[in-house]
Amino acid sequence: CSSSGDHGGEAKKTTSPAPTKSSDPDASEKTAVL
């Protein structure tokens, strides 16, 4: 699992998903109300 036959045994690199923005479309208005 940790090596690749195509890259001379180099470890595969994995990327983590980018952080998502707030799912609340009214967040900025709520902040302004408060």
PDB file of all heavy atoms in Angstrom:
ATOM      1  N   CYS A   1       0.813  -1.217   0.000  1.00  0.00           N
ATOM      2  CA  CYS A   1       0.000   0.000   0.000  1.00  0.00           C
ATOM      3  C   CYS A   1       0.839   1.256   0.000  1.00  0.00           C
ATOM      4  O   CYS A   1       0.401   2.294  -0.445  1.00  0.00           O
ATOM      5  CB  CYS A   1      -0.921   0.011   1.226  1.00  0.00           C
ATOM      6  SG  CYS A   1      -2.211  -1.215   1.138  1.00  0.00           S
ATOM      7  N   SER A   2       2.070   1.174   0.569  1.00  0.00           N
ATOM      8  CA  SER A   2       2.827   2.402   0.754  1.00  0.00           C
ATOM      9  C   SER A   2       3.828   2.668  -0.344  1.00  0.00           C
ATOM     10  O   SER A   2       4.533   3.644  -0.322  1.00  0.00           O
ATOM     11  CB  SER A   2       3.553   2.362   2.102  1.00  0.00           C
ATOM     12  OG  SER A   2       4.479   1.294   2.088  1.00  0.00           O
ATOM     13  N   SER A   3       3.949   1.752  -1.303  1.00  0.00           N
ATOM     14  CA  SER A   3       4.900   2.003  -2.381  1.00  0.00           C
ATOM     15  C   SER A   3       4.243   1.823  -3.722  1.00  0.00           C
ATOM     16  O   SER A   3       3.208   1.202  -3.847  1.00  0.00           O
ATOM     17  CB  SER A   3       6.088   1.054  -2.234  1.00  0.00           C
ATOM     18  OG  SER A   3       5.665  -0.285  -2.384  1.00  0.00           O
ATOM     19  N   SER A   4       4.868   2.358  -4.751  1.00  0.00           N
ATOM     20  CA  SER A   4       4.320   2.275  -6.094  1.00  0.00           C
ATOM     21  C   SER A   4       5.352   1.658  -7.010  1.00  0.00           C
ATOM     22  O   SER A   4       6.507   2.090  -7.032  1.00  0.00           O
ATOM     23  CB  SER A   4       3.949   3.680  -6.576  1.00  0.00           C
ATOM     24  OG  SER A   4       3.683   3.663  -7.955  1.00  0.00           O
ATOM     25  N   GLY A   5       4.943   0.671  -7.788  1.00  0.00           N
ATOM     26  CA  GLY A   5       5.861   0.031  -8.722  1.00  0.00           C
ATOM     27  C   GLY A   5       6.280   0.962  -9.844  1.00  0.00           C
ATOM     28  O   GLY A   5       7.317   0.778 -10.464  1.00  0.00           O
ATOM     29  N   ASP A   6       5.470   1.991 -10.147  1.00  0.00           N
ATOM     30  CA  ASP A   6       5.764   2.901 -11.244  1.00  0.00           C
ATOM     31  C   ASP A   6       6.763   3.968 -10.862  1.00  0.00           C
ATOM     32  O   ASP A   6       7.288   4.666 -11.706  1.00  0.00           O
ATOM     33  CB  ASP A   6       4.472   3.583 -11.718  1.00  0.00           C
ATOM     34  CG  ASP A   6       3.503   2.571 -12.302  1.00  0.00           C
ATOM     35  OD1 ASP A   6       3.959   1.515 -12.768  1.00  0.00           O
ATOM     36  OD2 ASP A   6       2.290   2.850 -12.255  1.00  0.00           O
ATOM     37  N   HIS A   7       7.026   4.165  -9.571  1.00  0.00           N
ATOM     38  CA  HIS A   7       7.895   5.251  -9.138  1.00  0.00           C
ATOM     39  C   HIS A   7       9.059   4.752  -8.308  1.00  0.00           C
ATOM     40  O   HIS A   7       9.517   5.418  -7.400  1.00  0.00           O
ATOM     41  CB  HIS A   7       7.091   6.284  -8.324  1.00  0.00           C
ATOM     42  CG  HIS A   7       6.014   6.937  -9.133  1.00  0.00           C
ATOM     43  ND1 HIS A   7       4.749   6.410  -9.202  1.00  0.00           N
ATOM     44  CD2 HIS A   7       6.039   8.026  -9.932  1.00  0.00           C
ATOM     45  CE1 HIS A   7       4.016   7.175  -9.994  1.00  0.00           C
ATOM     46  NE2 HIS A   7       4.779   8.152 -10.448  1.00  0.00           N
ATOM     47  N   GLY A   8       9.529   3.553  -8.595  1.00  0.00           N
ATOM     48  CA  GLY A   8      10.709   3.039  -7.909  1.00  0.00           C
ATOM     49  C   GLY A   8      10.541   2.932  -6.407  1.00  0.00           C
ATOM     50  O   GLY A   8      11.480   3.185  -5.669  1.00  0.00           O
ATOM     51  N   GLY A   9       9.327   2.585  -5.925  1.00  0.00           N
ATOM     52  CA  GLY A   9       9.111   2.407  -4.495  1.00  0.00           C
ATOM     53  C   GLY A   9       8.871   3.687  -3.736  1.00  0.00           C
ATOM     54  O   GLY A   9       8.867   3.701  -2.528  1.00  0.00           O
ATOM     55  N   GLU A  10       8.676   4.814  -4.423  1.00  0.00           N
ATOM     56  CA  GLU A  10       8.391   6.091  -3.759  1.00  0.00           C
ATOM     57  C   GLU A  10       7.034   6.029  -3.088  1.00  0.00           C
ATOM     58  O   GLU A  10       6.088   5.488  -3.638  1.00  0.00           O
ATOM     59  CB  GLU A  10       8.372   7.213  -4.797  1.00  0.00           C
ATOM     60  CG  GLU A  10       9.501   8.208  -4.631  1.00  0.00           C
ATOM     61  CD  GLU A  10       9.408   9.285  -5.681  1.00  0.00           C
ATOM     62  OE1 GLU A  10       8.351   9.928  -5.776  1.00  0.00           O
ATOM     63  OE2 GLU A  10      10.382   9.469  -6.407  1.00  0.00           O
ATOM     64  N   ALA A  11       6.913   6.628  -1.908  1.00  0.00           N
ATOM     65  CA  ALA A  11       5.630   6.639  -1.196  1.00  0.00           C
ATOM     66  C   ALA A  11       4.657   7.538  -1.919  1.00  0.00           C
ATOM     67  O   ALA A  11       5.026   8.600  -2.422  1.00  0.00           O
ATOM     68  CB  ALA A  11       5.843   7.118   0.231  1.00  0.00           C
ATOM     69  N   LYS A  12       3.411   7.084  -1.992  1.00  0.00           N
ATOM     70  CA  LYS A  12       2.370   7.903  -2.618  1.00  0.00           C
ATOM     71  C   LYS A  12       2.028   9.080  -1.719  1.00  0.00           C
ATOM     72  O   LYS A  12       1.967   8.938  -0.511  1.00  0.00           O
ATOM     73  CB  LYS A  12       1.116   7.059  -2.861  1.00  0.00           C
ATOM     74  CG  LYS A  12       1.274   6.029  -3.947  1.00  0.00           C
ATOM     75  CD  LYS A  12      -0.025   5.281  -4.154  1.00  0.00           C
ATOM     76  CE  LYS A  12       0.103   4.237  -5.241  1.00  0.00           C
ATOM     77  NZ  LYS A  12      -1.127   3.467  -5.424  1.00  0.00           N
ATOM     78  N   LYS A  13       1.788  10.225  -2.322  1.00  0.00           N
ATOM     79  CA  LYS A  13       1.423  11.413  -1.560  1.00  0.00           C
ATOM     80  C   LYS A  13      -0.097  11.539  -1.551  1.00  0.00           C
ATOM     81  O   LYS A  13      -0.743  11.346  -2.571  1.00  0.00           O
ATOM     82  CB  LYS A  13       2.042  12.661  -2.173  1.00  0.00           C
ATOM     83  CG  LYS A  13       3.548  12.672  -2.057  1.00  0.00           C
ATOM     84  CD  LYS A  13       4.128  13.923  -2.662  1.00  0.00           C
ATOM     85  CE  LYS A  13       5.637  13.935  -2.547  1.00  0.00           C
ATOM     86  NZ  LYS A  13       6.237  15.112  -3.169  1.00  0.00           N
ATOM     87  N   THR A  14      -0.635  11.849  -0.397  1.00  0.00           N
ATOM     88  CA  THR A  14      -2.076  12.046  -0.279  1.00  0.00           C
ATOM     89  C   THR A  14      -2.352  13.487   0.098  1.00  0.00           C
ATOM     90  O   THR A  14      -1.558  14.115   0.787  1.00  0.00           O
ATOM     91  CB  THR A  14      -2.673  11.113   0.788  1.00  0.00           C
ATOM     92  OG1 THR A  14      -2.021  11.370   2.018  1.00  0.00           O
ATOM     93  CG2 THR A  14      -2.498   9.654   0.405  1.00  0.00           C
ATOM     94  N   THR A  15      -3.452  13.999  -0.367  1.00  0.00           N
ATOM     95  CA  THR A  15      -3.837  15.378  -0.039  1.00  0.00           C
ATOM     96  C   THR A  15      -5.136  15.356   0.736  1.00  0.00           C
ATOM     97  O   THR A  15      -6.041  14.582   0.425  1.00  0.00           O
ATOM     98  CB  THR A  15      -4.021  16.222  -1.316  1.00  0.00           C
ATOM     99  OG1 THR A  15      -4.987  15.583  -2.148  1.00  0.00           O
ATOM    100  CG2 THR A  15      -2.712  16.354  -2.073  1.00  0.00           C
ATOM    101  N   SER A  16      -5.215  16.197   1.762  1.00  0.00           N
ATOM    102  CA  SER A  16      -6.440  16.294   2.541  1.00  0.00           C
ATOM    103  C   SER A  16      -7.354  17.320   1.884  1.00  0.00           C
ATOM    104  O   SER A  16      -6.877  18.270   1.263  1.00  0.00           O
ATOM    105  CB  SER A  16      -6.130  16.708   3.982  1.00  0.00           C
ATOM    106  OG  SER A  16      -5.417  17.910   3.985  1.00  0.00           O
ATOM    107  N   PRO A  17      -8.677  17.138   2.008  1.00  0.00           N
ATOM    108  CA  PRO A  17      -9.603  18.077   1.375  1.00  0.00           C
ATOM    109  C   PRO A  17      -9.466  19.477   1.971  1.00  0.00           C
ATOM    110  O   PRO A  17      -9.158  19.636   3.145  1.00  0.00           O
ATOM    111  CB  PRO A  17     -10.989  17.482   1.684  1.00  0.00           C
ATOM    112  CG  PRO A  17     -10.772  16.591   2.859  1.00  0.00           C
ATOM    113  CD  PRO A  17      -9.360  16.089   2.752  1.00  0.00           C
ATOM    114  N   ALA A  18      -9.686  20.462   1.134  1.00  0.00           N
ATOM    115  CA  ALA A  18      -9.598  21.860   1.585  1.00  0.00           C
ATOM    116  C   ALA A  18     -10.728  22.143   2.566  1.00  0.00           C
ATOM    117  O   ALA A  18     -11.824  21.584   2.451  1.00  0.00           O
ATOM    118  CB  ALA A  18      -9.705  22.799   0.385  1.00  0.00           C
ATOM    119  N   PRO A  19     -10.479  22.994   3.577  1.00  0.00           N
ATOM    120  CA  PRO A  19     -11.545  23.321   4.525  1.00  0.00           C
ATOM    121  C   PRO A  19     -12.703  24.017   3.828  1.00  0.00           C
ATOM    122  O   PRO A  19     -12.499  24.816   2.914  1.00  0.00           O
ATOM    123  CB  PRO A  19     -10.862  24.255   5.528  1.00  0.00           C
ATOM    124  CG  PRO A  19      -9.645  24.756   4.834  1.00  0.00           C
ATOM    125  CD  PRO A  19      -9.250  23.708   3.852  1.00  0.00           C
ATOM    126  N   THR A  20     -13.913  23.698   4.266  1.00  0.00           N
ATOM    127  CA  THR A  20     -15.096  24.296   3.649  1.00  0.00           C
ATOM    128  C   THR A  20     -15.527  25.538   4.403  1.00  0.00           C
ATOM    129  O   THR A  20     -15.309  25.650   5.603  1.00  0.00           O
ATOM    130  CB  THR A  20     -16.273  23.289   3.642  1.00  0.00           C
ATOM    131  OG1 THR A  20     -16.511  22.870   4.981  1.00  0.00           O
ATOM    132  CG2 THR A  20     -15.946  22.081   2.782  1.00  0.00           C
ATOM    133  N   LYS A  21     -16.128  26.458   3.699  1.00  0.00           N
ATOM    134  CA  LYS A  21     -16.625  27.682   4.323  1.00  0.00           C
ATOM    135  C   LYS A  21     -17.906  27.374   5.082  1.00  0.00           C
ATOM    136  O   LYS A  21     -18.516  26.335   4.911  1.00  0.00           O
ATOM    137  CB  LYS A  21     -16.888  28.740   3.250  1.00  0.00           C
ATOM    138  CG  LYS A  21     -15.613  29.251   2.596  1.00  0.00           C
ATOM    139  CD  LYS A  21     -15.934  30.339   1.604  1.00  0.00           C
ATOM    140  CE  LYS A  21     -14.660  30.894   0.959  1.00  0.00           C
ATOM    141  NZ  LYS A  21     -14.945  31.932  -0.024  1.00  0.00           N
ATOM    142  N   SER A  22     -18.335  28.308   5.919  1.00  0.00           N
ATOM    143  CA  SER A  22     -19.552  28.126   6.701  1.00  0.00           C
ATOM    144  C   SER A  22     -20.729  27.830   5.782  1.00  0.00           C
ATOM    145  O   SER A  22     -20.891  28.465   4.744  1.00  0.00           O
ATOM    146  CB  SER A  22     -19.838  29.395   7.509  1.00  0.00           C
ATOM    147  OG  SER A  22     -21.107  29.300   8.105  1.00  0.00           O
ATOM    148  N   SER A  23     -21.533  26.851   6.171  1.00  0.00           N
ATOM    149  CA  SER A  23     -22.669  26.469   5.346  1.00  0.00           C
ATOM    150  C   SER A  23     -23.885  27.352   5.600  1.00  0.00           C
ATOM    151  O   SER A  23     -24.907  27.183   4.962  1.00  0.00           O
ATOM    152  CB  SER A  23     -23.024  25.003   5.614  1.00  0.00           C
ATOM    153  OG  SER A  23     -23.322  24.821   6.984  1.00  0.00           O
ATOM    154  N   ASP A  24     -23.783  28.296   6.540  1.00  0.00           N
ATOM    155  CA  ASP A  24     -24.897  29.178   6.857  1.00  0.00           C
ATOM    156  C   ASP A  24     -24.838  30.419   5.968  1.00  0.00           C
ATOM    157  O   ASP A  24     -23.963  31.267   6.149  1.00  0.00           O
ATOM    158  CB  ASP A  24     -24.834  29.586   8.335  1.00  0.00           C
ATOM    159  CG  ASP A  24     -26.047  30.403   8.761  1.00  0.00           C
ATOM    160  OD1 ASP A  24     -26.877  30.754   7.883  1.00  0.00           O
ATOM    161  OD2 ASP A  24     -26.168  30.695   9.958  1.00  0.00           O
ATOM    162  N   PRO A  25     -25.757  30.545   5.007  1.00  0.00           N
ATOM    163  CA  PRO A  25     -25.714  31.703   4.101  1.00  0.00           C
ATOM    164  C   PRO A  25     -26.039  33.023   4.793  1.00  0.00           C
ATOM    165  O   PRO A  25     -25.755  34.095   4.265  1.00  0.00           O
ATOM    166  CB  PRO A  25     -26.767  31.358   3.036  1.00  0.00           C
ATOM    167  CG  PRO A  25     -27.718  30.436   3.737  1.00  0.00           C
ATOM    168  CD  PRO A  25     -26.878  29.652   4.709  1.00  0.00           C
ATOM    169  N   ASP A  26     -26.634  32.944   5.989  1.00  0.00           N
ATOM    170  CA  ASP A  26     -27.020  34.159   6.718  1.00  0.00           C
ATOM    171  C   ASP A  26     -26.022  34.538   7.814  1.00  0.00           C
ATOM    172  O   ASP A  26     -26.296  35.419   8.622  1.00  0.00           O
ATOM    173  CB  ASP A  26     -28.414  33.965   7.350  1.00  0.00           C
ATOM    174  CG  ASP A  26     -29.483  33.686   6.307  1.00  0.00           C
ATOM    175  OD1 ASP A  26     -29.393  34.250   5.196  1.00  0.00           O
ATOM    176  OD2 ASP A  26     -30.398  32.900   6.597  1.00  0.00           O
ATOM    177  N   ALA A  27     -24.877  33.871   7.838  1.00  0.00           N
ATOM    178  CA  ALA A  27     -23.911  34.083   8.932  1.00  0.00           C
ATOM    179  C   ALA A  27     -23.500  35.538   9.073  1.00  0.00           C
ATOM    180  O   ALA A  27     -23.445  36.075  10.182  1.00  0.00           O
ATOM    181  CB  ALA A  27     -22.687  33.198   8.724  1.00  0.00           C
ATOM    182  N   SER A  28     -23.206  36.206   7.963  1.00  0.00           N
ATOM    183  CA  SER A  28     -22.737  37.600   8.053  1.00  0.00           C
ATOM    184  C   SER A  28     -23.843  38.528   8.549  1.00  0.00           C
ATOM    185  O   SER A  28     -23.584  39.461   9.321  1.00  0.00           O
ATOM    186  CB  SER A  28     -22.203  38.083   6.699  1.00  0.00           C
ATOM    187  OG  SER A  28     -23.224  38.062   5.724  1.00  0.00           O
ATOM    188  N   GLU A  29     -25.087  38.275   8.137  1.00  0.00           N
ATOM    189  CA  GLU A  29     -26.206  39.102   8.599  1.00  0.00           C
ATOM    190  C   GLU A  29     -26.462  38.872  10.089  1.00  0.00           C
ATOM    191  O   GLU A  29     -26.753  39.818  10.832  1.00  0.00           O
ATOM    192  CB  GLU A  29     -27.473  38.816   7.787  1.00  0.00           C
ATOM    193  CG  GLU A  29     -27.389  39.212   6.320  1.00  0.00           C
ATOM    194  CD  GLU A  29     -27.188  40.713   6.101  1.00  0.00           C
ATOM    195  OE1 GLU A  29     -27.419  41.507   7.036  1.00  0.00           O
ATOM    196  OE2 GLU A  29     -26.781  41.089   4.992  1.00  0.00           O
ATOM    197  N   LYS A  30     -26.345  37.631  10.526  1.00  0.00           N
ATOM    198  CA  LYS A  30     -26.537  37.332  11.951  1.00  0.00           C
ATOM    199  C   LYS A  30     -25.488  38.056  12.797  1.00  0.00           C
ATOM    200  O   LYS A  30     -25.798  38.588  13.864  1.00  0.00           O
ATOM    201  CB  LYS A  30     -26.461  35.825  12.192  1.00  0.00           C
ATOM    202  CG  LYS A  30     -27.668  35.058  11.664  1.00  0.00           C
ATOM    203  CD  LYS A  30     -27.507  33.565  11.897  1.00  0.00           C
ATOM    204  CE  LYS A  30     -28.719  32.790  11.396  1.00  0.00           C
ATOM    205  NZ  LYS A  30     -28.559  31.338  11.597  1.00  0.00           N
ATOM    206  N   THR A  31     -24.263  38.074  12.301  1.00  0.00           N
ATOM    207  CA  THR A  31     -23.197  38.780  13.005  1.00  0.00           C
ATOM    208  C   THR A  31     -23.513  40.265  13.103  1.00  0.00           C
ATOM    209  O   THR A  31     -23.315  40.898  14.152  1.00  0.00           O
ATOM    210  CB  THR A  31     -21.852  38.582  12.273  1.00  0.00           C
ATOM    211  OG1 THR A  31     -21.538  37.180  12.269  1.00  0.00           O
ATOM    212  CG2 THR A  31     -20.720  39.343  12.945  1.00  0.00           C
ATOM    213  N   ALA A  32     -24.040  40.829  12.012  1.00  0.00           N
ATOM    214  CA  ALA A  32     -24.384  42.257  11.998  1.00  0.00           C
ATOM    215  C   ALA A  32     -25.540  42.567  12.949  1.00  0.00           C
ATOM    216  O   ALA A  32     -25.552  43.611  13.614  1.00  0.00           O
ATOM    217  CB  ALA A  32     -24.735  42.691  10.575  1.00  0.00           C
ATOM    218  N   VAL A  33     -26.509  41.655  13.043  1.00  0.00           N
ATOM    219  CA  VAL A  33     -27.639  41.841  13.966  1.00  0.00           C
ATOM    220  C   VAL A  33     -27.132  41.865  15.407  1.00  0.00           C
ATOM    221  O   VAL A  33     -27.491  42.749  16.198  1.00  0.00           O
ATOM    222  CB  VAL A  33     -28.698  40.724  13.796  1.00  0.00           C
ATOM    223  CG1 VAL A  33     -29.747  40.812  14.891  1.00  0.00           C
ATOM    224  CG2 VAL A  33     -29.349  40.791  12.427  1.00  0.00           C
ATOM    225  N   LEU A  34     -26.287  40.899  15.751  1.00  0.00           N
ATOM    226  CA  LEU A  34     -25.766  40.829  17.118  1.00  0.00           C
ATOM    227  C   LEU A  34     -24.905  42.044  17.451  1.00  0.00           C
ATOM    228  O   LEU A  34     -24.927  42.535  18.581  1.00  0.00           O
ATOM    229  CB  LEU A  34     -24.965  39.539  17.317  1.00  0.00           C
ATOM    230  CG  LEU A  34     -25.792  38.250  17.379  1.00  0.00           C
ATOM    231  CD1 LEU A  34     -24.883  37.034  17.462  1.00  0.00           C
ATOM    232  CD2 LEU A  34     -26.764  38.269  18.551  1.00  0.00           C
TER     233      LEU A  34
END
